[in-house]
Amino acid sequence: MRIVIAGGHGQIALRLERLLAGRGDEVAGIVRRPEQAGDLLAAGAEPVVCDLESASVEDVARHMEGADAAVFAAGAGPGSGIERKETVDRGATRLFADAAEAAGVRRFLVISSMGTDREPPEGTDPVFAAYLRAKAAADADIRSRAGLDWTILRPGRLTDDPGTGRVTLADATGRSAVSRDDVAATLLALLDEPGTIGRTLELIGGDVPVVDAVRAVTAAQRG
């Protein structure tokens, strides 16, 4: 398979790129800065320099031609203000989805966030509240698209602990932590499982091997 990842220099994206390259897939990572290219090459990915805040749909679609799947793993990141939550976490998701449809790439995965299915509670930090609202709007936009075979993954609190390969994956899991290693492994398994198309799933650490957890949510839907 050929997979294109938006936000290719992100911590989860680099882990996913290593997993994909390790099993022989062709993977390209979209990055904003040319100096990030070396890290992608080391992970086994092709670096593609393209700023999703300023690129056109046509520009991005050209980079996605011939791909079998796309993963949106970009984010404005810590330290960014309210404006970039809109331009990246919301706007770039929509742009990447538009480009996938234009390029004929149906399989589409999004890394979202827990807490986006409700209005942020009173007293929430304004920037974090803007982030949650932007992700919620992006998720709603993706779910409305008949031209994409989408899956939305909402991880819990992210850690850099070594992955255990065991998770809890469900429509709703409750709040807890999950390692970035295990998020990347779950994304890999989701790419291979068409039964998760049209699902919005939460992910935290747990006791079920990743592949079995993905199969279980698929079996539950069929049942």
N, C-alpha and C. Protein backbone atom coordinates (compact mmCIF):
# COMPACT_ATOMS: atom_id res chain seq x y z
N MET A 1 0.84 -1.20 0.00
CA MET A 1 0.00 0.00 0.00
C MET A 1 0.88 1.26 0.00
N ARG A 2 0.31 2.32 -0.52
CA ARG A 2 0.93 3.64 -0.39
C ARG A 2 0.04 4.48 0.52
N ILE A 3 0.61 5.03 1.55
CA ILE A 3 -0.13 5.82 2.54
C ILE A 3 0.49 7.20 2.63
N VAL A 4 -0.34 8.23 2.62
CA VAL A 4 0.12 9.60 2.79
C VAL A 4 -0.35 10.10 4.14
N ILE A 5 0.60 10.66 4.92
CA ILE A 5 0.30 11.10 6.28
C ILE A 5 0.49 12.61 6.37
N ALA A 6 -0.56 13.32 6.77
CA ALA A 6 -0.46 14.75 7.05
C ALA A 6 0.08 14.93 8.46
N GLY A 7 1.02 15.87 8.60
CA GLY A 7 1.68 16.02 9.90
C GLY A 7 2.72 14.94 10.09
N GLY A 8 3.48 14.69 9.02
CA GLY A 8 4.39 13.56 8.99
C GLY A 8 5.54 13.60 9.96
N HIS A 9 5.78 14.76 10.59
CA HIS A 9 6.87 14.85 11.56
C HIS A 9 6.35 14.77 12.99
N GLY A 10 5.07 14.55 13.17
CA GLY A 10 4.52 14.43 14.51
C GLY A 10 4.99 13.15 15.20
N GLN A 11 4.85 13.13 16.52
CA GLN A 11 5.37 12.00 17.28
C GLN A 11 4.66 10.69 16.95
N ILE A 12 3.35 10.74 16.77
CA ILE A 12 2.62 9.53 16.39
C ILE A 12 2.91 9.20 14.93
N ALA A 13 2.95 10.21 14.08
CA ALA A 13 3.19 9.97 12.65
C ALA A 13 4.52 9.29 12.41
N LEU A 14 5.58 9.74 13.07
CA LEU A 14 6.89 9.10 12.87
C LEU A 14 6.86 7.65 13.31
N ARG A 15 6.16 7.35 14.38
CA ARG A 15 6.04 5.96 14.82
C ARG A 15 5.28 5.13 13.79
N LEU A 16 4.19 5.70 13.25
CA LEU A 16 3.41 4.99 12.24
C LEU A 16 4.22 4.79 10.97
N GLU A 17 4.99 5.79 10.59
CA GLU A 17 5.82 5.65 9.40
C GLU A 17 6.82 4.50 9.54
N ARG A 18 7.41 4.38 10.72
CA ARG A 18 8.36 3.27 10.93
C ARG A 18 7.64 1.93 10.83
N LEU A 19 6.44 1.84 11.37
CA LEU A 19 5.69 0.59 11.30
C LEU A 19 5.31 0.25 9.86
N LEU A 20 4.85 1.23 9.12
CA LEU A 20 4.46 1.00 7.73
C LEU A 20 5.66 0.60 6.88
N ALA A 21 6.74 1.36 7.01
CA ALA A 21 7.94 1.05 6.23
C ALA A 21 8.49 -0.32 6.62
N GLY A 22 8.38 -0.66 7.89
CA GLY A 22 8.92 -1.94 8.36
C GLY A 22 8.22 -3.14 7.77
N ARG A 23 6.97 -2.97 7.40
CA ARG A 23 6.26 -4.11 6.80
C ARG A 23 6.23 -4.02 5.27
N GLY A 24 6.92 -3.02 4.72
CA GLY A 24 7.08 -2.95 3.28
C GLY A 24 6.13 -2.03 2.55
N ASP A 25 5.34 -1.24 3.28
CA ASP A 25 4.46 -0.28 2.62
C ASP A 25 5.26 0.94 2.18
N GLU A 26 4.72 1.65 1.22
CA GLU A 26 5.29 2.92 0.76
C GLU A 26 4.57 4.03 1.50
N VAL A 27 5.31 4.90 2.16
CA VAL A 27 4.69 5.93 2.97
C VAL A 27 5.32 7.28 2.70
N ALA A 28 4.48 8.29 2.57
CA ALA A 28 4.93 9.67 2.40
C ALA A 28 4.37 10.50 3.54
N GLY A 29 5.19 11.38 4.08
CA GLY A 29 4.77 12.26 5.16
C GLY A 29 4.81 13.71 4.73
N ILE A 30 3.71 14.41 4.89
CA ILE A 30 3.65 15.83 4.55
C ILE A 30 4.14 16.64 5.74
N VAL A 31 5.14 17.51 5.49
CA VAL A 31 5.73 18.35 6.54
C VAL A 31 5.77 19.80 6.06
N ARG A 32 5.87 20.72 7.03
CA ARG A 32 5.93 22.15 6.68
C ARG A 32 7.35 22.62 6.41
N ARG A 33 8.31 22.03 7.12
CA ARG A 33 9.67 22.57 7.08
C ARG A 33 10.64 21.57 6.45
N PRO A 34 11.46 22.04 5.50
CA PRO A 34 12.41 21.14 4.83
C PRO A 34 13.39 20.47 5.79
N GLU A 35 13.72 21.14 6.90
CA GLU A 35 14.70 20.55 7.83
C GLU A 35 14.15 19.33 8.56
N GLN A 36 12.87 19.07 8.43
CA GLN A 36 12.29 17.88 9.06
C GLN A 36 12.45 16.63 8.19
N ALA A 37 12.91 16.81 6.97
CA ALA A 37 12.96 15.70 6.02
C ALA A 37 13.84 14.55 6.50
N GLY A 38 14.97 14.87 7.13
CA GLY A 38 15.88 13.82 7.57
C GLY A 38 15.25 12.85 8.54
N ASP A 39 14.41 13.34 9.44
CA ASP A 39 13.75 12.45 10.40
C ASP A 39 12.78 11.51 9.69
N LEU A 40 12.12 12.00 8.66
CA LEU A 40 11.21 11.13 7.92
C LEU A 40 11.98 10.07 7.14
N LEU A 41 13.07 10.49 6.52
CA LEU A 41 13.89 9.51 5.79
C LEU A 41 14.40 8.42 6.73
N ALA A 42 14.79 8.82 7.94
CA ALA A 42 15.27 7.83 8.92
C ALA A 42 14.16 6.87 9.32
N ALA A 43 12.91 7.33 9.27
CA ALA A 43 11.77 6.49 9.62
C ALA A 43 11.32 5.62 8.44
N GLY A 44 11.93 5.82 7.28
CA GLY A 44 11.56 5.04 6.11
C GLY A 44 10.48 5.67 5.26
N ALA A 45 10.22 6.97 5.47
CA ALA A 45 9.16 7.67 4.75
C ALA A 45 9.73 8.68 3.77
N GLU A 46 8.96 8.94 2.73
CA GLU A 46 9.30 9.99 1.76
C GLU A 46 8.81 11.32 2.30
N PRO A 47 9.70 12.30 2.49
CA PRO A 47 9.23 13.60 2.95
C PRO A 47 8.64 14.43 1.81
N VAL A 48 7.50 15.04 2.07
CA VAL A 48 6.84 15.90 1.10
C VAL A 48 6.63 17.26 1.79
N VAL A 49 7.31 18.28 1.32
CA VAL A 49 7.21 19.60 1.94
C VAL A 49 6.01 20.34 1.35
N CYS A 50 5.03 20.61 2.22
CA CYS A 50 3.80 21.26 1.78
C CYS A 50 3.10 21.84 3.01
N ASP A 51 2.82 23.11 3.00
CA ASP A 51 2.19 23.77 4.14
C ASP A 51 0.67 23.69 3.99
N LEU A 52 0.03 22.91 4.84
CA LEU A 52 -1.41 22.70 4.72
C LEU A 52 -2.22 23.93 5.13
N GLU A 53 -1.57 24.94 5.69
CA GLU A 53 -2.28 26.18 6.00
C GLU A 53 -2.34 27.12 4.80
N SER A 54 -1.52 26.89 3.79
CA SER A 54 -1.51 27.80 2.65
C SER A 54 -1.68 27.10 1.30
N ALA A 55 -1.54 25.79 1.27
CA ALA A 55 -1.63 25.05 0.01
C ALA A 55 -3.06 25.00 -0.50
N SER A 56 -3.20 24.80 -1.80
CA SER A 56 -4.52 24.61 -2.39
C SER A 56 -4.89 23.13 -2.38
N VAL A 57 -6.16 22.85 -2.58
CA VAL A 57 -6.60 21.45 -2.68
C VAL A 57 -5.85 20.75 -3.81
N GLU A 58 -5.67 21.44 -4.92
CA GLU A 58 -4.99 20.84 -6.06
C GLU A 58 -3.54 20.50 -5.73
N ASP A 59 -2.87 21.39 -5.00
CA ASP A 59 -1.48 21.14 -4.60
C ASP A 59 -1.39 19.85 -3.78
N VAL A 60 -2.25 19.72 -2.79
CA VAL A 60 -2.19 18.56 -1.90
C VAL A 60 -2.63 17.30 -2.64
N ALA A 61 -3.64 17.41 -3.48
CA ALA A 61 -4.12 16.25 -4.23
C ALA A 61 -3.02 15.66 -5.10
N ARG A 62 -2.17 16.50 -5.65
CA ARG A 62 -1.07 15.98 -6.47
C ARG A 62 -0.14 15.08 -5.65
N HIS A 63 0.06 15.42 -4.39
CA HIS A 63 0.91 14.60 -3.54
C HIS A 63 0.24 13.29 -3.13
N MET A 64 -1.08 13.21 -3.32
CA MET A 64 -1.83 12.04 -2.88
C MET A 64 -2.18 11.09 -4.03
N GLU A 65 -1.82 11.47 -5.23
CA GLU A 65 -2.16 10.63 -6.39
C GLU A 65 -1.53 9.24 -6.25
N GLY A 66 -2.34 8.24 -6.49
CA GLY A 66 -1.87 6.85 -6.43
C GLY A 66 -1.84 6.26 -5.04
N ALA A 67 -2.26 7.02 -4.02
CA ALA A 67 -2.25 6.51 -2.65
C ALA A 67 -3.45 5.59 -2.43
N ASP A 68 -3.28 4.65 -1.51
CA ASP A 68 -4.36 3.75 -1.12
C ASP A 68 -5.08 4.23 0.14
N ALA A 69 -4.42 5.07 0.91
CA ALA A 69 -5.00 5.55 2.16
C ALA A 69 -4.33 6.84 2.57
N ALA A 70 -5.03 7.61 3.40
CA ALA A 70 -4.49 8.86 3.93
C ALA A 70 -4.77 8.91 5.43
N VAL A 71 -3.83 9.48 6.17
CA VAL A 71 -3.96 9.61 7.62
C VAL A 71 -3.73 11.06 8.00
N PHE A 72 -4.69 11.67 8.69
CA PHE A 72 -4.49 13.03 9.17
C PHE A 72 -3.97 12.98 10.59
N ALA A 73 -2.69 13.32 10.75
CA ALA A 73 -2.04 13.30 12.06
C ALA A 73 -1.45 14.65 12.41
N ALA A 74 -1.89 15.69 11.70
CA ALA A 74 -1.34 17.03 11.93
C ALA A 74 -2.05 17.70 13.10
N GLY A 75 -1.41 18.73 13.63
CA GLY A 75 -2.02 19.51 14.70
C GLY A 75 -1.24 20.79 14.92
N ALA A 76 -1.92 21.80 15.40
CA ALA A 76 -1.23 23.07 15.65
C ALA A 76 -0.19 22.93 16.75
N GLY A 77 -0.43 22.04 17.70
CA GLY A 77 0.57 21.73 18.71
C GLY A 77 0.56 22.68 19.89
N PRO A 78 1.29 22.29 20.96
CA PRO A 78 1.38 23.11 22.16
C PRO A 78 2.00 24.47 21.85
N GLY A 79 1.52 25.49 22.52
CA GLY A 79 2.08 26.82 22.33
C GLY A 79 1.43 27.61 21.22
N SER A 80 0.59 26.95 20.41
CA SER A 80 -0.09 27.68 19.35
C SER A 80 -1.35 28.34 19.91
N GLY A 81 -1.79 29.40 19.26
CA GLY A 81 -2.94 30.15 19.74
C GLY A 81 -4.24 29.69 19.12
N ILE A 82 -5.30 30.41 19.46
CA ILE A 82 -6.63 30.04 19.01
C ILE A 82 -6.73 30.05 17.49
N GLU A 83 -6.10 31.02 16.84
CA GLU A 83 -6.21 31.13 15.38
C GLU A 83 -5.70 29.87 14.69
N ARG A 84 -4.58 29.32 15.17
CA ARG A 84 -4.03 28.13 14.50
C ARG A 84 -4.81 26.87 14.82
N LYS A 85 -5.57 26.86 15.89
CA LYS A 85 -6.47 25.72 16.10
C LYS A 85 -7.47 25.66 14.95
N GLU A 86 -7.91 26.84 14.50
CA GLU A 86 -8.85 26.89 13.38
C GLU A 86 -8.17 26.55 12.06
N THR A 87 -6.99 27.12 11.82
CA THR A 87 -6.35 26.93 10.51
C THR A 87 -5.74 25.54 10.34
N VAL A 88 -5.31 24.90 11.43
CA VAL A 88 -4.71 23.57 11.33
C VAL A 88 -5.69 22.49 11.75
N ASP A 89 -6.11 22.52 13.02
CA ASP A 89 -6.90 21.41 13.54
C ASP A 89 -8.26 21.29 12.85
N ARG A 90 -8.79 22.40 12.38
CA ARG A 90 -10.03 22.35 11.61
C ARG A 90 -9.78 22.50 10.12
N GLY A 91 -9.15 23.61 9.74
CA GLY A 91 -9.00 23.93 8.32
C GLY A 91 -8.16 22.93 7.55
N ALA A 92 -7.03 22.53 8.12
CA ALA A 92 -6.16 21.60 7.40
C ALA A 92 -6.79 20.21 7.28
N THR A 93 -7.59 19.82 8.27
CA THR A 93 -8.31 18.55 8.16
C THR A 93 -9.25 18.58 6.96
N ARG A 94 -9.99 19.66 6.84
CA ARG A 94 -10.92 19.79 5.71
C ARG A 94 -10.16 19.82 4.39
N LEU A 95 -9.07 20.57 4.33
CA LEU A 95 -8.27 20.62 3.10
C LEU A 95 -7.75 19.25 2.71
N PHE A 96 -7.23 18.52 3.68
CA PHE A 96 -6.67 17.19 3.40
C PHE A 96 -7.77 16.24 2.93
N ALA A 97 -8.95 16.34 3.52
CA ALA A 97 -10.07 15.51 3.08
C ALA A 97 -10.52 15.88 1.67
N ASP A 98 -10.59 17.18 1.39
CA ASP A 98 -10.93 17.62 0.03
C ASP A 98 -9.93 17.08 -0.98
N ALA A 99 -8.65 17.12 -0.62
CA ALA A 99 -7.61 16.65 -1.52
C ALA A 99 -7.70 15.13 -1.72
N ALA A 100 -8.01 14.40 -0.66
CA ALA A 100 -8.17 12.95 -0.79
C ALA A 100 -9.30 12.62 -1.75
N GLU A 101 -10.42 13.33 -1.61
CA GLU A 101 -11.53 13.08 -2.53
C GLU A 101 -11.14 13.44 -3.96
N ALA A 102 -10.43 14.54 -4.13
CA ALA A 102 -10.01 14.95 -5.48
C ALA A 102 -9.06 13.94 -6.10
N ALA A 103 -8.22 13.32 -5.27
CA ALA A 103 -7.24 12.34 -5.77
C ALA A 103 -7.80 10.93 -5.84
N GLY A 104 -9.03 10.74 -5.39
CA GLY A 104 -9.64 9.41 -5.42
C GLY A 104 -9.14 8.48 -4.34
N VAL A 105 -8.68 9.04 -3.22
CA VAL A 105 -8.20 8.23 -2.09
C VAL A 105 -9.35 8.10 -1.10
N ARG A 106 -9.94 6.92 -1.00
CA ARG A 106 -11.14 6.77 -0.18
C ARG A 106 -10.81 6.50 1.30
N ARG A 107 -9.82 5.64 1.56
CA ARG A 107 -9.58 5.26 2.97
C ARG A 107 -8.92 6.43 3.68
N PHE A 108 -9.52 6.86 4.79
CA PHE A 108 -9.12 8.12 5.42
C PHE A 108 -9.24 7.97 6.93
N LEU A 109 -8.10 8.08 7.61
CA LEU A 109 -8.07 8.00 9.07
C LEU A 109 -7.73 9.36 9.66
N VAL A 110 -8.35 9.68 10.78
CA VAL A 110 -8.11 10.95 11.47
C VAL A 110 -7.77 10.67 12.92
N ILE A 111 -6.70 11.30 13.41
CA ILE A 111 -6.43 11.31 14.85
C ILE A 111 -7.13 12.53 15.43
N SER A 112 -8.11 12.29 16.26
CA SER A 112 -8.86 13.37 16.87
C SER A 112 -8.52 13.43 18.36
N SER A 113 -9.49 13.75 19.18
CA SER A 113 -9.25 13.91 20.61
C SER A 113 -10.51 13.57 21.39
N MET A 114 -10.33 13.02 22.57
CA MET A 114 -11.46 12.86 23.47
C MET A 114 -11.98 14.24 23.89
N GLY A 115 -13.26 14.29 24.23
CA GLY A 115 -13.85 15.53 24.70
C GLY A 115 -14.42 16.40 23.61
N THR A 116 -14.37 15.92 22.37
CA THR A 116 -14.87 16.73 21.26
C THR A 116 -16.35 16.50 21.00
N ASP A 117 -16.98 15.61 21.73
CA ASP A 117 -18.39 15.31 21.51
C ASP A 117 -19.29 16.11 22.44
N ARG A 118 -18.73 17.10 23.13
CA ARG A 118 -19.52 17.94 24.03
C ARG A 118 -18.88 19.33 24.10
N GLU A 119 -19.64 20.31 24.50
CA GLU A 119 -19.09 21.65 24.67
C GLU A 119 -18.11 21.65 25.83
N PRO A 120 -16.94 22.29 25.67
CA PRO A 120 -15.97 22.33 26.78
C PRO A 120 -16.59 22.88 28.05
N PRO A 121 -16.30 22.28 29.19
CA PRO A 121 -16.90 22.76 30.45
C PRO A 121 -16.48 24.20 30.76
N GLU A 122 -17.32 24.88 31.52
CA GLU A 122 -17.00 26.23 31.96
C GLU A 122 -15.69 26.22 32.73
N GLY A 123 -14.85 27.19 32.46
CA GLY A 123 -13.55 27.26 33.12
C GLY A 123 -12.43 26.61 32.35
N THR A 124 -12.74 25.93 31.21
CA THR A 124 -11.70 25.34 30.38
C THR A 124 -10.80 26.44 29.82
N ASP A 125 -9.51 26.20 29.80
CA ASP A 125 -8.57 27.15 29.19
C ASP A 125 -9.07 27.53 27.79
N PRO A 126 -9.13 28.81 27.46
CA PRO A 126 -9.71 29.24 26.18
C PRO A 126 -9.03 28.63 24.96
N VAL A 127 -7.72 28.48 25.00
CA VAL A 127 -7.02 27.90 23.85
C VAL A 127 -7.36 26.43 23.71
N PHE A 128 -7.40 25.71 24.84
CA PHE A 128 -7.77 24.29 24.78
C PHE A 128 -9.22 24.12 24.35
N ALA A 129 -10.09 25.01 24.81
CA ALA A 129 -11.49 24.95 24.39
C ALA A 129 -11.59 25.17 22.88
N ALA A 130 -10.80 26.10 22.35
CA ALA A 130 -10.80 26.34 20.91
C ALA A 130 -10.31 25.11 20.16
N TYR A 131 -9.32 24.43 20.73
CA TYR A 131 -8.82 23.19 20.12
C TYR A 131 -9.92 22.14 20.06
N LEU A 132 -10.63 21.93 21.17
CA LEU A 132 -11.69 20.93 21.20
C LEU A 132 -12.79 21.27 20.21
N ARG A 133 -13.16 22.55 20.14
CA ARG A 133 -14.22 22.94 19.19
C ARG A 133 -13.75 22.75 17.75
N ALA A 134 -12.49 23.07 17.48
CA ALA A 134 -11.96 22.89 16.12
C ALA A 134 -11.95 21.41 15.73
N LYS A 135 -11.52 20.55 16.65
CA LYS A 135 -11.50 19.11 16.36
C LYS A 135 -12.93 18.58 16.19
N ALA A 136 -13.86 19.07 17.01
CA ALA A 136 -15.25 18.64 16.88
C ALA A 136 -15.81 19.00 15.51
N ALA A 137 -15.52 20.22 15.06
CA ALA A 137 -16.00 20.65 13.75
C ALA A 137 -15.35 19.83 12.64
N ALA A 138 -14.06 19.54 12.79
CA ALA A 138 -13.37 18.72 11.79
C ALA A 138 -13.96 17.32 11.74
N ASP A 139 -14.22 16.73 12.90
CA ASP A 139 -14.81 15.39 12.94
C ASP A 139 -16.17 15.38 12.26
N ALA A 140 -16.99 16.39 12.55
CA ALA A 140 -18.31 16.46 11.95
C ALA A 140 -18.22 16.56 10.43
N ASP A 141 -17.26 17.34 9.96
CA ASP A 141 -17.08 17.47 8.51
C ASP A 141 -16.70 16.14 7.89
N ILE A 142 -15.78 15.41 8.52
CA ILE A 142 -15.36 14.12 7.98
C ILE A 142 -16.52 13.14 7.96
N ARG A 143 -17.31 13.12 9.03
CA ARG A 143 -18.42 12.16 9.11
C ARG A 143 -19.49 12.44 8.06
N SER A 144 -19.50 13.66 7.52
CA SER A 144 -20.53 14.01 6.53
C SER A 144 -20.14 13.60 5.11
N ARG A 145 -18.96 13.08 4.92
CA ARG A 145 -18.44 12.87 3.57
C ARG A 145 -18.72 11.44 3.07
N ALA A 146 -19.58 11.35 2.06
CA ALA A 146 -19.85 10.05 1.44
C ALA A 146 -18.70 9.59 0.57
N GLY A 147 -17.80 10.51 0.20
CA GLY A 147 -16.69 10.16 -0.69
C GLY A 147 -15.48 9.59 0.01
N LEU A 148 -15.56 9.44 1.34
CA LEU A 148 -14.44 8.90 2.09
C LEU A 148 -14.86 7.69 2.92
N ASP A 149 -14.00 6.70 2.99
CA ASP A 149 -14.18 5.56 3.89
C ASP A 149 -13.41 5.90 5.17
N TRP A 150 -14.03 6.66 6.04
CA TRP A 150 -13.31 7.28 7.15
C TRP A 150 -13.41 6.46 8.43
N THR A 151 -12.39 6.63 9.26
CA THR A 151 -12.40 6.18 10.65
C THR A 151 -11.76 7.29 11.48
N ILE A 152 -12.40 7.66 12.56
CA ILE A 152 -11.89 8.69 13.47
C ILE A 152 -11.44 8.02 14.75
N LEU A 153 -10.20 8.26 15.14
CA LEU A 153 -9.65 7.68 16.37
C LEU A 153 -9.42 8.80 17.39
N ARG A 154 -9.97 8.61 18.59
CA ARG A 154 -9.85 9.60 19.66
C ARG A 154 -9.06 9.00 20.82
N PRO A 155 -7.75 9.21 20.84
CA PRO A 155 -6.94 8.65 21.93
C PRO A 155 -7.15 9.42 23.23
N GLY A 156 -6.84 8.74 24.34
CA GLY A 156 -6.81 9.39 25.63
C GLY A 156 -5.53 10.20 25.81
N ARG A 157 -5.20 10.49 27.05
CA ARG A 157 -4.01 11.29 27.34
C ARG A 157 -2.76 10.56 26.82
N LEU A 158 -2.00 11.26 26.00
CA LEU A 158 -0.86 10.62 25.33
C LEU A 158 0.38 10.61 26.21
N THR A 159 1.10 9.49 26.19
CA THR A 159 2.35 9.38 26.93
C THR A 159 3.44 8.86 26.00
N ASP A 160 4.68 9.02 26.45
CA ASP A 160 5.82 8.48 25.72
C ASP A 160 6.30 7.17 26.34
N ASP A 161 5.49 6.55 27.17
CA ASP A 161 5.85 5.25 27.73
C ASP A 161 5.99 4.23 26.61
N PRO A 162 6.83 3.21 26.77
CA PRO A 162 6.92 2.16 25.76
C PRO A 162 5.55 1.50 25.55
N GLY A 163 5.24 1.20 24.33
CA GLY A 163 3.97 0.55 24.04
C GLY A 163 3.91 -0.85 24.62
N THR A 164 2.72 -1.23 25.03
CA THR A 164 2.50 -2.59 25.54
C THR A 164 1.90 -3.50 24.48
N GLY A 165 1.36 -2.88 23.41
CA GLY A 165 0.67 -3.68 22.40
C GLY A 165 -0.72 -4.09 22.83
N ARG A 166 -1.19 -3.56 23.98
CA ARG A 166 -2.50 -3.92 24.51
C ARG A 166 -3.29 -2.64 24.81
N VAL A 167 -4.55 -2.62 24.39
CA VAL A 167 -5.34 -1.40 24.46
C VAL A 167 -6.79 -1.71 24.81
N THR A 168 -7.54 -0.64 25.05
CA THR A 168 -8.99 -0.69 25.10
C THR A 168 -9.50 0.21 23.99
N LEU A 169 -10.28 -0.35 23.09
CA LEU A 169 -10.80 0.37 21.92
C LEU A 169 -12.30 0.16 21.87
N ALA A 170 -13.06 1.25 21.86
CA ALA A 170 -14.52 1.15 21.88
C ALA A 170 -15.13 2.47 21.46
N ASP A 171 -16.45 2.47 21.29
CA ASP A 171 -17.14 3.72 21.00
C ASP A 171 -16.91 4.72 22.12
N ALA A 172 -16.89 4.24 23.36
CA ALA A 172 -16.61 5.08 24.52
C ALA A 172 -15.81 4.24 25.52
N THR A 173 -14.71 4.77 25.98
CA THR A 173 -13.81 3.99 26.86
C THR A 173 -13.71 4.57 28.26
N GLY A 174 -14.12 5.82 28.46
CA GLY A 174 -13.73 6.51 29.68
C GLY A 174 -12.34 7.08 29.50
N ARG A 175 -11.99 8.00 30.39
CA ARG A 175 -10.72 8.71 30.23
C ARG A 175 -9.59 7.97 30.92
N SER A 176 -8.47 7.85 30.21
CA SER A 176 -7.24 7.29 30.76
C SER A 176 -6.12 7.59 29.76
N ALA A 177 -4.95 7.07 30.04
CA ALA A 177 -3.79 7.34 29.19
C ALA A 177 -3.57 6.23 28.17
N VAL A 178 -2.81 6.57 27.15
CA VAL A 178 -2.39 5.58 26.15
C VAL A 178 -1.06 6.05 25.58
N SER A 179 -0.17 5.13 25.31
CA SER A 179 1.14 5.51 24.77
C SER A 179 1.04 5.82 23.28
N ARG A 180 1.90 6.71 22.84
CA ARG A 180 1.94 7.03 21.41
C ARG A 180 2.31 5.79 20.60
N ASP A 181 3.14 4.92 21.14
CA ASP A 181 3.46 3.66 20.45
C ASP A 181 2.18 2.88 20.15
N ASP A 182 1.31 2.78 21.15
CA ASP A 182 0.09 1.98 20.97
C ASP A 182 -0.93 2.68 20.08
N VAL A 183 -0.92 4.01 20.05
CA VAL A 183 -1.78 4.72 19.10
C VAL A 183 -1.34 4.40 17.67
N ALA A 184 -0.03 4.46 17.42
CA ALA A 184 0.48 4.17 16.08
C ALA A 184 0.15 2.73 15.68
N ALA A 185 0.32 1.79 16.59
CA ALA A 185 0.01 0.40 16.29
C ALA A 185 -1.47 0.21 15.99
N THR A 186 -2.32 0.95 16.69
CA THR A 186 -3.76 0.86 16.45
C THR A 186 -4.12 1.45 15.09
N LEU A 187 -3.50 2.57 14.73
CA LEU A 187 -3.74 3.13 13.40
C LEU A 187 -3.37 2.14 12.31
N LEU A 188 -2.25 1.47 12.49
CA LEU A 188 -1.82 0.46 11.51
C LEU A 188 -2.89 -0.61 11.36
N ALA A 189 -3.40 -1.10 12.48
CA ALA A 189 -4.42 -2.15 12.43
C ALA A 189 -5.72 -1.63 11.82
N LEU A 190 -6.08 -0.39 12.10
CA LEU A 190 -7.30 0.19 11.53
C LEU A 190 -7.21 0.31 10.02
N LEU A 191 -6.03 0.65 9.51
CA LEU A 191 -5.85 0.74 8.07
C LEU A 191 -6.18 -0.58 7.38
N ASP A 192 -5.93 -1.67 8.07
CA ASP A 192 -6.12 -3.00 7.48
C ASP A 192 -7.53 -3.55 7.69
N GLU A 193 -8.37 -2.84 8.41
CA GLU A 193 -9.67 -3.39 8.77
C GLU A 193 -10.82 -2.53 8.22
N PRO A 194 -11.38 -2.92 7.09
CA PRO A 194 -12.47 -2.13 6.50
C PRO A 194 -13.73 -2.13 7.36
N GLY A 195 -13.82 -3.06 8.30
CA GLY A 195 -14.99 -3.10 9.18
C GLY A 195 -15.07 -1.92 10.13
N THR A 196 -14.00 -1.12 10.20
CA THR A 196 -14.04 0.06 11.07
C THR A 196 -14.40 1.32 10.30
N ILE A 197 -14.71 1.19 9.03
CA ILE A 197 -15.13 2.35 8.24
C ILE A 197 -16.43 2.91 8.82
N GLY A 198 -16.47 4.25 8.94
CA GLY A 198 -17.66 4.89 9.47
C GLY A 198 -17.76 4.85 10.98
N ARG A 199 -16.66 4.54 11.66
CA ARG A 199 -16.67 4.46 13.12
C ARG A 199 -15.85 5.59 13.73
N THR A 200 -16.32 6.09 14.86
CA THR A 200 -15.57 7.01 15.70
C THR A 200 -15.26 6.26 16.98
N LEU A 201 -13.97 6.02 17.23
CA LEU A 201 -13.56 5.12 18.30
C LEU A 201 -12.63 5.83 19.28
N GLU A 202 -12.80 5.50 20.56
CA GLU A 202 -11.90 6.00 21.60
C GLU A 202 -10.88 4.92 21.95
N LEU A 203 -9.69 5.38 22.38
CA LEU A 203 -8.57 4.46 22.62
C LEU A 203 -7.84 4.85 23.89
N ILE A 204 -7.66 3.87 24.77
CA ILE A 204 -6.83 4.04 25.96
C ILE A 204 -6.03 2.76 26.14
N GLY A 205 -5.09 2.78 27.08
CA GLY A 205 -4.36 1.56 27.39
C GLY A 205 -5.30 0.50 27.93
N GLY A 206 -4.91 -0.75 27.78
CA GLY A 206 -5.80 -1.83 28.23
C GLY A 206 -5.11 -3.18 28.23
N ASP A 207 -5.91 -4.22 28.11
CA ASP A 207 -5.40 -5.59 28.23
C ASP A 207 -5.55 -6.41 26.96
N VAL A 208 -6.15 -5.84 25.92
CA VAL A 208 -6.44 -6.61 24.71
C VAL A 208 -5.40 -6.30 23.64
N PRO A 209 -4.78 -7.31 23.05
CA PRO A 209 -3.84 -7.04 21.96
C PRO A 209 -4.48 -6.18 20.87
N VAL A 210 -3.69 -5.28 20.31
CA VAL A 210 -4.22 -4.28 19.38
C VAL A 210 -5.05 -4.90 18.27
N VAL A 211 -4.51 -5.88 17.59
CA VAL A 211 -5.24 -6.48 16.46
C VAL A 211 -6.55 -7.09 16.93
N ASP A 212 -6.54 -7.75 18.08
CA ASP A 212 -7.76 -8.34 18.61
C ASP A 212 -8.77 -7.26 18.99
N ALA A 213 -8.29 -6.11 19.52
CA ALA A 213 -9.18 -5.02 19.89
C ALA A 213 -9.88 -4.46 18.66
N VAL A 214 -9.14 -4.32 17.56
CA VAL A 214 -9.74 -3.81 16.32
C VAL A 214 -10.75 -4.82 15.77
N ARG A 215 -10.40 -6.08 15.81
CA ARG A 215 -11.33 -7.11 15.34
C ARG A 215 -12.59 -7.14 16.19
N ALA A 216 -12.45 -6.92 17.49
CA ALA A 216 -13.58 -6.99 18.40
C ALA A 216 -14.59 -5.89 18.12
N VAL A 217 -14.13 -4.66 17.85
CA VAL A 217 -15.09 -3.59 17.57
C VAL A 217 -15.78 -3.83 16.22
N THR A 218 -15.08 -4.46 15.30
CA THR A 218 -15.68 -4.80 14.01
C THR A 218 -16.74 -5.88 14.19
N ALA A 219 -16.41 -6.90 14.98
CA ALA A 219 -17.37 -7.98 15.22
C ALA A 219 -18.59 -7.48 15.96
N ALA A 220 -18.39 -6.56 16.90
CA ALA A 220 -19.50 -6.02 17.67
C ALA A 220 -20.47 -5.26 16.76
N GLN A 221 -19.94 -4.54 15.78
CA GLN A 221 -20.80 -3.79 14.87
C GLN A 221 -21.58 -4.75 14.00
N ARG A 222 -20.94 -5.82 13.53
CA ARG A 222 -21.64 -6.80 12.69
C ARG A 222 -22.74 -7.51 13.46
N GLY A 223 -22.43 -7.74 14.78
CA GLY A 223 -23.42 -8.43 15.60
C GLY A 223 -24.65 -7.58 15.83
